[in-house]
Each structure stands twice: as structure tokens, then as C-alpha cells.
Amino acid sequence: MQNEGSSTAFVTCAFPTFGIGEGPGWPGLGLVLVNLTESNVAVTCTLVSGASRDGAVYYQPKTSTVPAGSVDSFMMFLPTEIPGQPPTIPSPNLSCALPPGVGIQYLWYYGDRQVGQ
């Protein structure tokens, strides 16, 4: 998803919920940003997770500088960065403010899952 406009665009992306937080822990999730401009730009994204009906909603903003011309700038969210360090991340979403010329190439997550003995 690329911002082709002349002002900041707000984009929210959701992860599939299976596998997030299952097993002994969730090592991380994030996104890869693209910057097609000739200047470094700051991008702010917020991880939002949980549901108010469950009494636990987590918000964690993060700002990264994406280098000019970059096609693979990673922004990661780690469990140790989330207030309260939740053991799982239910229904994770990332909401990002994308400056003109900046895009999200893809979302990713990885986790530990015990299989068998």
C-alpha cells in the first residue's frame, strides 16, 4: 500500500489471528516500509491489540526513520516493548501515518510453537 498523494495517509492493517501468541511466547511482529522519495522520512505506526470487552487493550506507538529510496526498511514490535509485556497479542493491528511517497510492502510476524515431543 503506497501513499501516492500529497498529504499524510492513515492506514490500518490487521494480521490473521491464528498463531499469534500461541505457545510459550510471541517473539515479534512488524512491517516492511518503502520510501520512494529522495529524503529520509519519519513514519509512526501504533500496534493496537486486544478488546475492551476483555479488559485488556494494548497500544504501542513507534517511530522509525525510513531512508531515502529504501525498499526494505523494517519496523519491529517486540513483547518487551509492550506495557505489561502481555503473553499473547490477540487481534493485532498496525495503524500507520504514511507520508507522501511512503508505503507498506508487507506485514510479518513470527512465533515460537512447540510441535510434538
PDB file of N, CA and C in Angstrom:
ATOM      1  N   MET A   1       0.852  -1.148   0.000  1.00  0.00           N
ATOM      2  CA  MET A   1       0.000   0.000   0.000  1.00  0.00           C
ATOM      3  C   MET A   1       0.912   1.228   0.000  1.00  0.00           C
ATOM      4  N   GLN A   2       0.770   2.062  -0.991  1.00  0.00           N
ATOM      5  CA  GLN A   2       1.668   3.194  -1.195  1.00  0.00           C
ATOM      6  C   GLN A   2       0.888   4.505  -1.142  1.00  0.00           C
ATOM      7  N   ASN A   3       1.418   5.499  -0.442  1.00  0.00           N
ATOM      8  CA  ASN A   3       0.790   6.815  -0.436  1.00  0.00           C
ATOM      9  C   ASN A   3       1.266   7.573  -1.672  1.00  0.00           C
ATOM     10  N   GLU A   4       0.394   7.712  -2.651  1.00  0.00           N
ATOM     11  CA  GLU A   4       0.700   8.423  -3.899  1.00  0.00           C
ATOM     12  C   GLU A   4       0.233   9.872  -3.852  1.00  0.00           C
ATOM     13  N   GLY A   5      -0.350  10.286  -2.711  1.00  0.00           N
ATOM     14  CA  GLY A   5      -0.897  11.629  -2.585  1.00  0.00           C
ATOM     15  C   GLY A   5       0.130  12.663  -2.155  1.00  0.00           C
ATOM     16  N   SER A   6      -0.384  13.832  -1.773  1.00  0.00           N
ATOM     17  CA  SER A   6       0.492  14.943  -1.376  1.00  0.00           C
ATOM     18  C   SER A   6       0.389  15.254   0.116  1.00  0.00           C
ATOM     19  N   SER A   7      -0.410  14.482   0.855  1.00  0.00           N
ATOM     20  CA  SER A   7      -0.506  14.666   2.306  1.00  0.00           C
ATOM     21  C   SER A   7      -0.465  13.298   2.983  1.00  0.00           C
ATOM     22  N   THR A   8      -0.280  13.303   4.287  1.00  0.00           N
ATOM     23  CA  THR A   8      -0.161  12.063   5.051  1.00  0.00           C
ATOM     24  C   THR A   8      -1.439  11.231   4.931  1.00  0.00           C
ATOM     25  N   ALA A   9      -1.272   9.928   4.738  1.00  0.00           N
ATOM     26  CA  ALA A   9      -2.396   8.993   4.664  1.00  0.00           C
ATOM     27  C   ALA A   9      -2.335   8.071   5.877  1.00  0.00           C
ATOM     28  N   PHE A  10      -3.469   7.815   6.490  1.00  0.00           N
ATOM     29  CA  PHE A  10      -3.537   6.919   7.643  1.00  0.00           C
ATOM     30  C   PHE A  10      -4.070   5.567   7.175  1.00  0.00           C
ATOM     31  N   VAL A  11      -3.318   4.518   7.490  1.00  0.00           N
ATOM     32  CA  VAL A  11      -3.637   3.169   7.031  1.00  0.00           C
ATOM     33  C   VAL A  11      -3.628   2.230   8.228  1.00  0.00           C
ATOM     34  N   THR A  12      -4.617   1.348   8.301  1.00  0.00           N
ATOM     35  CA  THR A  12      -4.650   0.326   9.342  1.00  0.00           C
ATOM     36  C   THR A  12      -4.656  -1.042   8.689  1.00  0.00           C
ATOM     37  N   CYS A  13      -3.786  -1.909   9.167  1.00  0.00           N
ATOM     38  CA  CYS A  13      -3.669  -3.265   8.642  1.00  0.00           C
ATOM     39  C   CYS A  13      -3.863  -4.258   9.783  1.00  0.00           C
ATOM     40  N   ALA A  14      -4.585  -5.335   9.509  1.00  0.00           N
ATOM     41  CA  ALA A  14      -4.825  -6.369  10.515  1.00  0.00           C
ATOM     42  C   ALA A  14      -4.066  -7.634  10.142  1.00  0.00           C
ATOM     43  N   PHE A  15      -3.600  -8.331  11.153  1.00  0.00           N
ATOM     44  CA  PHE A  15      -2.936  -9.619  10.973  1.00  0.00           C
ATOM     45  C   PHE A  15      -3.966 -10.731  11.094  1.00  0.00           C
ATOM     46  N   PRO A  16      -3.723 -11.869  10.437  1.00  0.00           N
ATOM     47  CA  PRO A  16      -4.556 -13.030  10.748  1.00  0.00           C
ATOM     48  C   PRO A  16      -4.293 -13.401  12.211  1.00  0.00           C
ATOM     49  N   THR A  17      -5.296 -13.847  12.924  1.00  0.00           N
ATOM     50  CA  THR A  17      -5.129 -14.060  14.362  1.00  0.00           C
ATOM     51  C   THR A  17      -4.571 -15.417  14.730  1.00  0.00           C
ATOM     52  N   PHE A  18      -4.629 -16.392  13.836  1.00  0.00           N
ATOM     53  CA  PHE A  18      -4.104 -17.697  14.221  1.00  0.00           C
ATOM     54  C   PHE A  18      -2.599 -17.624  14.423  1.00  0.00           C
ATOM     55  N   GLY A  19      -2.116 -18.297  15.455  1.00  0.00           N
ATOM     56  CA  GLY A  19      -0.678 -18.380  15.695  1.00  0.00           C
ATOM     57  C   GLY A  19      -0.091 -17.259  16.514  1.00  0.00           C
ATOM     58  N   ILE A  20      -0.721 -16.102  16.588  1.00  0.00           N
ATOM     59  CA  ILE A  20      -0.153 -15.001  17.354  1.00  0.00           C
ATOM     60  C   ILE A  20      -0.318 -15.316  18.833  1.00  0.00           C
ATOM     61  N   GLY A  21       0.785 -15.403  19.504  1.00  0.00           N
ATOM     62  CA  GLY A  21       0.728 -15.582  20.947  1.00  0.00           C
ATOM     63  C   GLY A  21       0.483 -17.005  21.402  1.00  0.00           C
ATOM     64  N   GLU A  22       0.381 -17.960  20.491  1.00  0.00           N
ATOM     65  CA  GLU A  22       0.229 -19.342  20.916  1.00  0.00           C
ATOM     66  C   GLU A  22       1.596 -19.894  21.311  1.00  0.00           C
ATOM     67  N   GLY A  23       1.599 -20.870  22.177  1.00  0.00           N
ATOM     68  CA  GLY A  23       2.860 -21.455  22.610  1.00  0.00           C
ATOM     69  C   GLY A  23       3.496 -20.623  23.701  1.00  0.00           C
ATOM     70  N   PRO A  24       4.799 -20.756  23.887  1.00  0.00           N
ATOM     71  CA  PRO A  24       5.456 -20.090  25.006  1.00  0.00           C
ATOM     72  C   PRO A  24       5.610 -18.594  24.867  1.00  0.00           C
ATOM     73  N   GLY A  25       5.408 -18.045  23.694  1.00  0.00           N
ATOM     74  CA  GLY A  25       5.562 -16.598  23.557  1.00  0.00           C
ATOM     75  C   GLY A  25       5.480 -16.150  22.124  1.00  0.00           C
ATOM     76  N   TRP A  26       5.353 -14.871  21.950  1.00  0.00           N
ATOM     77  CA  TRP A  26       5.337 -14.298  20.604  1.00  0.00           C
ATOM     78  C   TRP A  26       6.577 -13.430  20.471  1.00  0.00           C
ATOM     79  N   PRO A  27       7.558 -13.859  19.703  1.00  0.00           N
ATOM     80  CA  PRO A  27       8.807 -13.104  19.591  1.00  0.00           C
ATOM     81  C   PRO A  27       8.708 -11.760  18.888  1.00  0.00           C
ATOM     82  N   GLY A  28       7.736 -11.550  18.008  1.00  0.00           N
ATOM     83  CA  GLY A  28       7.652 -10.239  17.391  1.00  0.00           C
ATOM     84  C   GLY A  28       6.746 -10.198  16.188  1.00  0.00           C
ATOM     85  N   LEU A  29       6.426  -8.966  15.791  1.00  0.00           N
ATOM     86  CA  LEU A  29       5.682  -8.731  14.567  1.00  0.00           C
ATOM     87  C   LEU A  29       6.102  -7.368  14.043  1.00  0.00           C
ATOM     88  N   GLY A  30       5.760  -7.097  12.809  1.00  0.00           N
ATOM     89  CA  GLY A  30       6.164  -5.814  12.251  1.00  0.00           C
ATOM     90  C   GLY A  30       5.759  -5.647  10.807  1.00  0.00           C
ATOM     91  N   LEU A  31       6.425  -4.719  10.141  1.00  0.00           N
ATOM     92  CA  LEU A  31       6.137  -4.423   8.756  1.00  0.00           C
ATOM     93  C   LEU A  31       7.403  -3.956   8.061  1.00  0.00           C
ATOM     94  N   VAL A  32       7.355  -3.999   6.740  1.00  0.00           N
ATOM     95  CA  VAL A  32       8.452  -3.514   5.911  1.00  0.00           C
ATOM     96  C   VAL A  32       7.944  -2.284   5.168  1.00  0.00           C
ATOM     97  N   LEU A  33       8.689  -1.186   5.302  1.00  0.00           N
ATOM     98  CA  LEU A  33       8.306   0.097   4.700  1.00  0.00           C
ATOM     99  C   LEU A  33       9.155   0.400   3.475  1.00  0.00           C
ATOM    100  N   VAL A  34       8.565   1.142   2.548  1.00  0.00           N
ATOM    101  CA  VAL A  34       9.212   1.577   1.318  1.00  0.00           C
ATOM    102  C   VAL A  34       9.161   3.100   1.288  1.00  0.00           C
ATOM    103  N   ASN A  35      10.262   3.732   0.896  1.00  0.00           N
ATOM    104  CA  ASN A  35      10.308   5.188   0.764  1.00  0.00           C
ATOM    105  C   ASN A  35      10.815   5.526  -0.634  1.00  0.00           C
ATOM    106  N   LEU A  36       9.929   5.984  -1.491  1.00  0.00           N
ATOM    107  CA  LEU A  36      10.304   6.301  -2.872  1.00  0.00           C
ATOM    108  C   LEU A  36      10.746   7.744  -3.058  1.00  0.00           C
ATOM    109  N   THR A  37      10.884   8.489  -1.950  1.00  0.00           N
ATOM    110  CA  THR A  37      11.303   9.888  -2.050  1.00  0.00           C
ATOM    111  C   THR A  37      12.824  10.000  -1.972  1.00  0.00           C
ATOM    112  N   GLU A  38      13.318  11.215  -2.161  1.00  0.00           N
ATOM    113  CA  GLU A  38      14.759  11.472  -2.108  1.00  0.00           C
ATOM    114  C   GLU A  38      15.202  11.968  -0.737  1.00  0.00           C
ATOM    115  N   SER A  39      14.315  11.884   0.256  1.00  0.00           N
ATOM    116  CA  SER A  39      14.633  12.335   1.614  1.00  0.00           C
ATOM    117  C   SER A  39      14.289  11.250   2.621  1.00  0.00           C
ATOM    118  N   ASN A  40      15.022  11.242   3.720  1.00  0.00           N
ATOM    119  CA  ASN A  40      14.654  10.372   4.840  1.00  0.00           C
ATOM    120  C   ASN A  40      13.339  10.873   5.410  1.00  0.00           C
ATOM    121  N   VAL A  41      12.455   9.962   5.821  1.00  0.00           N
ATOM    122  CA  VAL A  41      11.175  10.363   6.403  1.00  0.00           C
ATOM    123  C   VAL A  41      10.908   9.569   7.675  1.00  0.00           C
ATOM    124  N   ALA A  42      10.221  10.216   8.609  1.00  0.00           N
ATOM    125  CA  ALA A  42       9.812   9.550   9.847  1.00  0.00           C
ATOM    126  C   ALA A  42       8.416   8.975   9.640  1.00  0.00           C
ATOM    127  N   VAL A  43       8.252   7.706  10.010  1.00  0.00           N
ATOM    128  CA  VAL A  43       6.960   7.032   9.918  1.00  0.00           C
ATOM    129  C   VAL A  43       6.582   6.559  11.314  1.00  0.00           C
ATOM    130  N   THR A  44       5.353   6.868  11.721  1.00  0.00           N
ATOM    131  CA  THR A  44       4.854   6.429  13.024  1.00  0.00           C
ATOM    132  C   THR A  44       3.747   5.409  12.823  1.00  0.00           C
ATOM    133  N   CYS A  45       3.895   4.268  13.501  1.00  0.00           N
ATOM    134  CA  CYS A  45       2.874   3.230  13.499  1.00  0.00           C
ATOM    135  C   CYS A  45       2.542   2.892  14.940  1.00  0.00           C
ATOM    136  N   THR A  46       1.316   2.461  15.169  1.00  0.00           N
ATOM    137  CA  THR A  46       0.884   2.066  16.503  1.00  0.00           C
ATOM    138  C   THR A  46       0.327   0.653  16.442  1.00  0.00           C
ATOM    139  N   LEU A  47       0.870  -0.212  17.292  1.00  0.00           N
ATOM    140  CA  LEU A  47       0.333  -1.554  17.462  1.00  0.00           C
ATOM    141  C   LEU A  47      -0.862  -1.439  18.398  1.00  0.00           C
ATOM    142  N   VAL A  48      -2.004  -1.950  17.962  1.00  0.00           N
ATOM    143  CA  VAL A  48      -3.214  -1.963  18.782  1.00  0.00           C
ATOM    144  C   VAL A  48      -3.663  -3.411  18.842  1.00  0.00           C
ATOM    145  N   SER A  49      -3.916  -3.883  20.064  1.00  0.00           N
ATOM    146  CA  SER A  49      -4.283  -5.277  20.231  1.00  0.00           C
ATOM    147  C   SER A  49      -5.254  -5.443  21.383  1.00  0.00           C
ATOM    148  N   GLY A  50      -6.072  -6.467  21.293  1.00  0.00           N
ATOM    149  CA  GLY A  50      -6.987  -6.782  22.377  1.00  0.00           C
ATOM    150  C   GLY A  50      -8.373  -6.266  22.120  1.00  0.00           C
ATOM    151  N   ALA A  51      -9.218  -6.391  23.136  1.00  0.00           N
ATOM    152  CA  ALA A  51     -10.601  -5.947  23.046  1.00  0.00           C
ATOM    153  C   ALA A  51     -11.027  -5.372  24.381  1.00  0.00           C
ATOM    154  N   SER A  52     -11.731  -4.264  24.334  1.00  0.00           N
ATOM    155  CA  SER A  52     -12.141  -3.614  25.579  1.00  0.00           C
ATOM    156  C   SER A  52     -13.051  -4.520  26.401  1.00  0.00           C
ATOM    157  N   ARG A  53     -13.814  -5.390  25.745  1.00  0.00           N
ATOM    158  CA  ARG A  53     -14.695  -6.300  26.495  1.00  0.00           C
ATOM    159  C   ARG A  53     -13.889  -7.291  27.333  1.00  0.00           C
ATOM    160  N   ASP A  54     -12.656  -7.554  26.932  1.00  0.00           N
ATOM    161  CA  ASP A  54     -11.785  -8.461  27.686  1.00  0.00           C
ATOM    162  C   ASP A  54     -11.013  -7.724  28.773  1.00  0.00           C
ATOM    163  N   GLY A  55     -11.095  -6.402  28.779  1.00  0.00           N
ATOM    164  CA  GLY A  55     -10.408  -5.610  29.789  1.00  0.00           C
ATOM    165  C   GLY A  55      -8.934  -5.383  29.515  1.00  0.00           C
ATOM    166  N   ALA A  56      -8.439  -5.813  28.363  1.00  0.00           N
ATOM    167  CA  ALA A  56      -7.022  -5.640  28.055  1.00  0.00           C
ATOM    168  C   ALA A  56      -6.858  -5.174  26.616  1.00  0.00           C
ATOM    169  N   VAL A  57      -6.548  -3.895  26.459  1.00  0.00           N
ATOM    170  CA  VAL A  57      -6.236  -3.346  25.140  1.00  0.00           C
ATOM    171  C   VAL A  57      -4.835  -2.774  25.236  1.00  0.00           C
ATOM    172  N   TYR A  58      -3.991  -3.123  24.283  1.00  0.00           N
ATOM    173  CA  TYR A  58      -2.598  -2.678  24.291  1.00  0.00           C
ATOM    174  C   TYR A  58      -2.368  -1.714  23.128  1.00  0.00           C
ATOM    175  N   TYR A  59      -1.685  -0.622  23.426  1.00  0.00           N
ATOM    176  CA  TYR A  59      -1.294   0.364  22.418  1.00  0.00           C
ATOM    177  C   TYR A  59       0.201   0.576  22.545  1.00  0.00           C
ATOM    178  N   GLN A  60       0.907   0.491  21.441  1.00  0.00           N
ATOM    179  CA  GLN A  60       2.335   0.764  21.470  1.00  0.00           C
ATOM    180  C   GLN A  60       2.737   1.513  20.207  1.00  0.00           C
ATOM    181  N   PRO A  61       2.929   2.850  20.307  1.00  0.00           N
ATOM    182  CA  PRO A  61       3.394   3.602  19.138  1.00  0.00           C
ATOM    183  C   PRO A  61       4.903   3.435  18.952  1.00  0.00           C
ATOM    184  N   LYS A  62       5.316   3.574  17.708  1.00  0.00           N
ATOM    185  CA  LYS A  62       6.750   3.501  17.391  1.00  0.00           C
ATOM    186  C   LYS A  62       6.996   4.368  16.168  1.00  0.00           C
ATOM    187  N   THR A  63       8.114   5.094  16.180  1.00  0.00           N
ATOM    188  CA  THR A  63       8.504   5.918  15.036  1.00  0.00           C
ATOM    189  C   THR A  63       9.854   5.441  14.533  1.00  0.00           C
ATOM    190  N   SER A  64       9.951   5.274  13.222  1.00  0.00           N
ATOM    191  CA  SER A  64      11.205   4.875  12.587  1.00  0.00           C
ATOM    192  C   SER A  64      11.518   5.834  11.456  1.00  0.00           C
ATOM    193  N   THR A  65      12.792   6.066  11.246  1.00  0.00           N
ATOM    194  CA  THR A  65      13.226   6.853  10.095  1.00  0.00           C
ATOM    195  C   THR A  65      13.461   5.894   8.943  1.00  0.00           C
ATOM    196  N   VAL A  66      12.791   6.152   7.830  1.00  0.00           N
ATOM    197  CA  VAL A  66      12.937   5.316   6.640  1.00  0.00           C
ATOM    198  C   VAL A  66      13.853   6.062   5.676  1.00  0.00           C
ATOM    199  N   PRO A  67      15.004   5.468   5.350  1.00  0.00           N
ATOM    200  CA  PRO A  67      15.960   6.150   4.481  1.00  0.00           C
ATOM    201  C   PRO A  67      15.401   6.437   3.085  1.00  0.00           C
ATOM    202  N   ALA A  68      15.907   7.490   2.469  1.00  0.00           N
ATOM    203  CA  ALA A  68      15.522   7.842   1.107  1.00  0.00           C
ATOM    204  C   ALA A  68      15.784   6.666   0.174  1.00  0.00           C
ATOM    205  N   GLY A  69      14.830   6.365  -0.692  1.00  0.00           N
ATOM    206  CA  GLY A  69      14.997   5.307  -1.681  1.00  0.00           C
ATOM    207  C   GLY A  69      14.957   3.897  -1.123  1.00  0.00           C
ATOM    208  N   SER A  70      14.617   3.731   0.131  1.00  0.00           N
ATOM    209  CA  SER A  70      14.606   2.404   0.758  1.00  0.00           C
ATOM    210  C   SER A  70      13.428   1.566   0.276  1.00  0.00           C
ATOM    211  N   VAL A  71      13.680   0.284   0.035  1.00  0.00           N
ATOM    212  CA  VAL A  71      12.604  -0.637  -0.330  1.00  0.00           C
ATOM    213  C   VAL A  71      12.432  -1.755   0.697  1.00  0.00           C
ATOM    214  N   ASP A  72      13.196  -1.686   1.790  1.00  0.00           N
ATOM    215  CA  ASP A  72      13.104  -2.772   2.774  1.00  0.00           C
ATOM    216  C   ASP A  72      13.486  -2.310   4.182  1.00  0.00           C
ATOM    217  N   SER A  73      12.830  -1.278   4.650  1.00  0.00           N
ATOM    218  CA  SER A  73      13.092  -0.758   5.988  1.00  0.00           C
ATOM    219  C   SER A  73      12.139  -1.436   6.984  1.00  0.00           C
ATOM    220  N   PHE A  74      12.701  -2.167   7.938  1.00  0.00           N
ATOM    221  CA  PHE A  74      11.907  -2.931   8.895  1.00  0.00           C
ATOM    222  C   PHE A  74      11.511  -2.093  10.105  1.00  0.00           C
ATOM    223  N   MET A  75      10.264  -2.271  10.556  1.00  0.00           N
ATOM    224  CA  MET A  75       9.806  -1.733  11.831  1.00  0.00           C
ATOM    225  C   MET A  75       9.285  -2.935  12.611  1.00  0.00           C
ATOM    226  N   MET A  76       9.872  -3.170  13.785  1.00  0.00           N
ATOM    227  CA  MET A  76       9.512  -4.334  14.585  1.00  0.00           C
ATOM    228  C   MET A  76       8.870  -3.922  15.899  1.00  0.00           C
ATOM    229  N   PHE A  77       7.952  -4.738  16.363  1.00  0.00           N
ATOM    230  CA  PHE A  77       7.348  -4.592  17.684  1.00  0.00           C
ATOM    231  C   PHE A  77       7.659  -5.867  18.453  1.00  0.00           C
ATOM    232  N   LEU A  78       8.323  -5.718  19.596  1.00  0.00           N
ATOM    233  CA  LEU A  78       8.727  -6.859  20.411  1.00  0.00           C
ATOM    234  C   LEU A  78       7.904  -6.904  21.693  1.00  0.00           C
ATOM    235  N   PRO A  79       7.704  -8.091  22.286  1.00  0.00           N
ATOM    236  CA  PRO A  79       6.900  -8.200  23.502  1.00  0.00           C
ATOM    237  C   PRO A  79       7.419  -7.333  24.640  1.00  0.00           C
ATOM    238  N   THR A  80       8.728  -7.176  24.726  1.00  0.00           N
ATOM    239  CA  THR A  80       9.306  -6.394  25.818  1.00  0.00           C
ATOM    240  C   THR A  80       9.010  -4.901  25.689  1.00  0.00           C
ATOM    241  N   GLU A  81       8.551  -4.463  24.516  1.00  0.00           N
ATOM    242  CA  GLU A  81       8.218  -3.057  24.301  1.00  0.00           C
ATOM    243  C   GLU A  81       6.773  -2.722  24.657  1.00  0.00           C
ATOM    244  N   ILE A  82       5.944  -3.738  24.846  1.00  0.00           N
ATOM    245  CA  ILE A  82       4.526  -3.524  25.122  1.00  0.00           C
ATOM    246  C   ILE A  82       4.338  -3.363  26.623  1.00  0.00           C
ATOM    247  N   PRO A  83       3.695  -2.288  27.076  1.00  0.00           N
ATOM    248  CA  PRO A  83       3.464  -2.117  28.508  1.00  0.00           C
ATOM    249  C   PRO A  83       2.746  -3.332  29.090  1.00  0.00           C
ATOM    250  N   GLY A  84       3.281  -3.866  30.168  1.00  0.00           N
ATOM    251  CA  GLY A  84       2.714  -5.052  30.799  1.00  0.00           C
ATOM    252  C   GLY A  84       3.210  -6.352  30.202  1.00  0.00           C
ATOM    253  N   GLN A  85       3.950  -6.293  29.116  1.00  0.00           N
ATOM    254  CA  GLN A  85       4.501  -7.461  28.429  1.00  0.00           C
ATOM    255  C   GLN A  85       3.501  -8.618  28.376  1.00  0.00           C
ATOM    256  N   PRO A  86       2.418  -8.456  27.607  1.00  0.00           N
ATOM    257  CA  PRO A  86       1.401  -9.492  27.552  1.00  0.00           C
ATOM    258  C   PRO A  86       1.937 -10.803  26.973  1.00  0.00           C
ATOM    259  N   PRO A  87       1.440 -11.947  27.485  1.00  0.00           N
ATOM    260  CA  PRO A  87       1.910 -13.236  26.978  1.00  0.00           C
ATOM    261  C   PRO A  87       1.380 -13.548  25.584  1.00  0.00           C
ATOM    262  N   THR A  88       0.271 -12.933  25.201  1.00  0.00           N
ATOM    263  CA  THR A  88      -0.285 -13.113  23.861  1.00  0.00           C
ATOM    264  C   THR A  88      -0.692 -11.753  23.310  1.00  0.00           C
ATOM    265  N   ILE A  89      -0.858 -11.702  22.013  1.00  0.00           N
ATOM    266  CA  ILE A  89      -1.311 -10.486  21.352  1.00  0.00           C
ATOM    267  C   ILE A  89      -2.568 -10.846  20.554  1.00  0.00           C
ATOM    268  N   PRO A  90      -3.748 -10.702  21.180  1.00  0.00           N
ATOM    269  CA  PRO A  90      -4.978 -11.030  20.465  1.00  0.00           C
ATOM    270  C   PRO A  90      -5.351  -9.956  19.456  1.00  0.00           C
ATOM    271  N   SER A  91      -5.761 -10.378  18.294  1.00  0.00           N
ATOM    272  CA  SER A  91      -6.259  -9.462  17.249  1.00  0.00           C
ATOM    273  C   SER A  91      -5.336  -8.282  16.993  1.00  0.00           C
ATOM    274  N   PRO A  92      -4.079  -8.527  16.613  1.00  0.00           N
ATOM    275  CA  PRO A  92      -3.155  -7.406  16.401  1.00  0.00           C
ATOM    276  C   PRO A  92      -3.470  -6.611  15.136  1.00  0.00           C
ATOM    277  N   ASN A  93      -3.318  -5.293  15.252  1.00  0.00           N
ATOM    278  CA  ASN A  93      -3.491  -4.366  14.135  1.00  0.00           C
ATOM    279  C   ASN A  93      -2.370  -3.341  14.187  1.00  0.00           C
ATOM    280  N   LEU A  94      -1.956  -2.862  13.042  1.00  0.00           N
ATOM    281  CA  LEU A  94      -0.996  -1.771  12.968  1.00  0.00           C
ATOM    282  C   LEU A  94      -1.658  -0.605  12.247  1.00  0.00           C
ATOM    283  N   SER A  95      -1.614   0.554  12.872  1.00  0.00           N
ATOM    284  CA  SER A  95      -2.146   1.772  12.277  1.00  0.00           C
ATOM    285  C   SER A  95      -0.965   2.706  12.026  1.00  0.00           C
ATOM    286  N   CYS A  96      -0.789   3.122  10.768  1.00  0.00           N
ATOM    287  CA  CYS A  96       0.392   3.905  10.391  1.00  0.00           C
ATOM    288  C   CYS A  96       0.003   5.207   9.699  1.00  0.00           C
ATOM    289  N   ALA A  97       0.795   6.236   9.969  1.00  0.00           N
ATOM    290  CA  ALA A  97       0.682   7.516   9.271  1.00  0.00           C
ATOM    291  C   ALA A  97       1.773   7.523   8.201  1.00  0.00           C
ATOM    292  N   LEU A  98       1.361   7.379   6.949  1.00  0.00           N
ATOM    293  CA  LEU A  98       2.317   7.291   5.844  1.00  0.00           C
ATOM    294  C   LEU A  98       2.461   8.638   5.149  1.00  0.00           C
ATOM    295  N   PRO A  99       3.657   9.227   5.202  1.00  0.00           N
ATOM    296  CA  PRO A  99       3.894  10.469   4.461  1.00  0.00           C
ATOM    297  C   PRO A  99       3.837  10.205   2.948  1.00  0.00           C
ATOM    298  N   PRO A 100       3.696  11.238   2.126  1.00  0.00           N
ATOM    299  CA  PRO A 100       3.705  11.042   0.678  1.00  0.00           C
ATOM    300  C   PRO A 100       4.957  10.291   0.220  1.00  0.00           C
ATOM    301  N   GLY A 101       4.771   9.335  -0.688  1.00  0.00           N
ATOM    302  CA  GLY A 101       5.899   8.576  -1.228  1.00  0.00           C
ATOM    303  C   GLY A 101       6.308   7.378  -0.397  1.00  0.00           C
ATOM    304  N   VAL A 102       5.634   7.145   0.721  1.00  0.00           N
ATOM    305  CA  VAL A 102       5.982   6.029   1.600  1.00  0.00           C
ATOM    306  C   VAL A 102       4.886   4.982   1.525  1.00  0.00           C
ATOM    307  N   GLY A 103       5.283   3.717   1.602  1.00  0.00           N
ATOM    308  CA  GLY A 103       4.314   2.633   1.533  1.00  0.00           C
ATOM    309  C   GLY A 103       4.675   1.487   2.453  1.00  0.00           C
ATOM    310  N   ILE A 104       3.728   0.580   2.602  1.00  0.00           N
ATOM    311  CA  ILE A 104       3.926  -0.651   3.362  1.00  0.00           C
ATOM    312  C   ILE A 104       4.070  -1.775   2.340  1.00  0.00           C
ATOM    313  N   GLN A 105       5.230  -2.423   2.357  1.00  0.00           N
ATOM    314  CA  GLN A 105       5.464  -3.523   1.409  1.00  0.00           C
ATOM    315  C   GLN A 105       4.770  -4.797   1.887  1.00  0.00           C
ATOM    316  N   TYR A 106       4.953  -5.160   3.151  1.00  0.00           N
ATOM    317  CA  TYR A 106       4.242  -6.300   3.714  1.00  0.00           C
ATOM    318  C   TYR A 106       4.326  -6.300   5.225  1.00  0.00           C
ATOM    319  N   LEU A 107       3.403  -7.057   5.837  1.00  0.00           N
ATOM    320  CA  LEU A 107       3.380  -7.281   7.284  1.00  0.00           C
ATOM    321  C   LEU A 107       3.982  -8.651   7.548  1.00  0.00           C
ATOM    322  N   TRP A 108       4.515  -8.841   8.733  1.00  0.00           N
ATOM    323  CA  TRP A 108       5.064 -10.155   9.088  1.00  0.00           C
ATOM    324  C   TRP A 108       4.976 -10.369  10.590  1.00  0.00           C
ATOM    325  N   TYR A 109       4.963 -11.610  10.976  1.00  0.00           N
ATOM    326  CA  TYR A 109       5.100 -11.978  12.383  1.00  0.00           C
ATOM    327  C   TYR A 109       5.768 -13.337  12.452  1.00  0.00           C
ATOM    328  N   TYR A 110       6.378 -13.576  13.572  1.00  0.00           N
ATOM    329  CA  TYR A 110       6.968 -14.890  13.781  1.00  0.00           C
ATOM    330  C   TYR A 110       6.726 -15.262  15.226  1.00  0.00           C
ATOM    331  N   GLY A 111       6.729 -16.546  15.464  1.00  0.00           N
ATOM    332  CA  GLY A 111       6.442 -17.002  16.825  1.00  0.00           C
ATOM    333  C   GLY A 111       7.085 -18.340  17.104  1.00  0.00           C
ATOM    334  N   ASP A 112       7.096 -18.677  18.367  1.00  0.00           N
ATOM    335  CA  ASP A 112       7.574 -19.981  18.798  1.00  0.00           C
ATOM    336  C   ASP A 112       6.374 -20.889  18.943  1.00  0.00           C
ATOM    337  N   ARG A 113       6.448 -22.063  18.383  1.00  0.00           N
ATOM    338  CA  ARG A 113       5.370 -23.022  18.521  1.00  0.00           C
ATOM    339  C   ARG A 113       5.989 -24.396  18.742  1.00  0.00           C
ATOM    340  N   GLN A 114       5.584 -25.046  19.805  1.00  0.00           N
ATOM    341  CA  GLN A 114       6.110 -26.375  20.108  1.00  0.00           C
ATOM    342  C   GLN A 114       5.309 -27.404  19.340  1.00  0.00           C
ATOM    343  N   VAL A 115       6.008 -28.262  18.625  1.00  0.00           N
ATOM    344  CA  VAL A 115       5.360 -29.303  17.834  1.00  0.00           C
ATOM    345  C   VAL A 115       5.860 -30.644  18.333  1.00  0.00           C
ATOM    346  N   GLY A 116       4.956 -31.452  18.843  1.00  0.00           N
ATOM    347  CA  GLY A 116       5.327 -32.800  19.298  1.00  0.00           C
ATOM    348  C   GLY A 116       6.230 -32.789  20.498  1.00  0.00           C
ATOM    349  N   GLN A 117       6.990 -33.837  20.649  1.00  0.00           N
ATOM    350  CA  GLN A 117       7.880 -34.013  21.798  1.00  0.00           C
ATOM    351  C   GLN A 117       9.224 -33.370  21.557  1.00  0.00           C
TER     352      GLN A 117
END
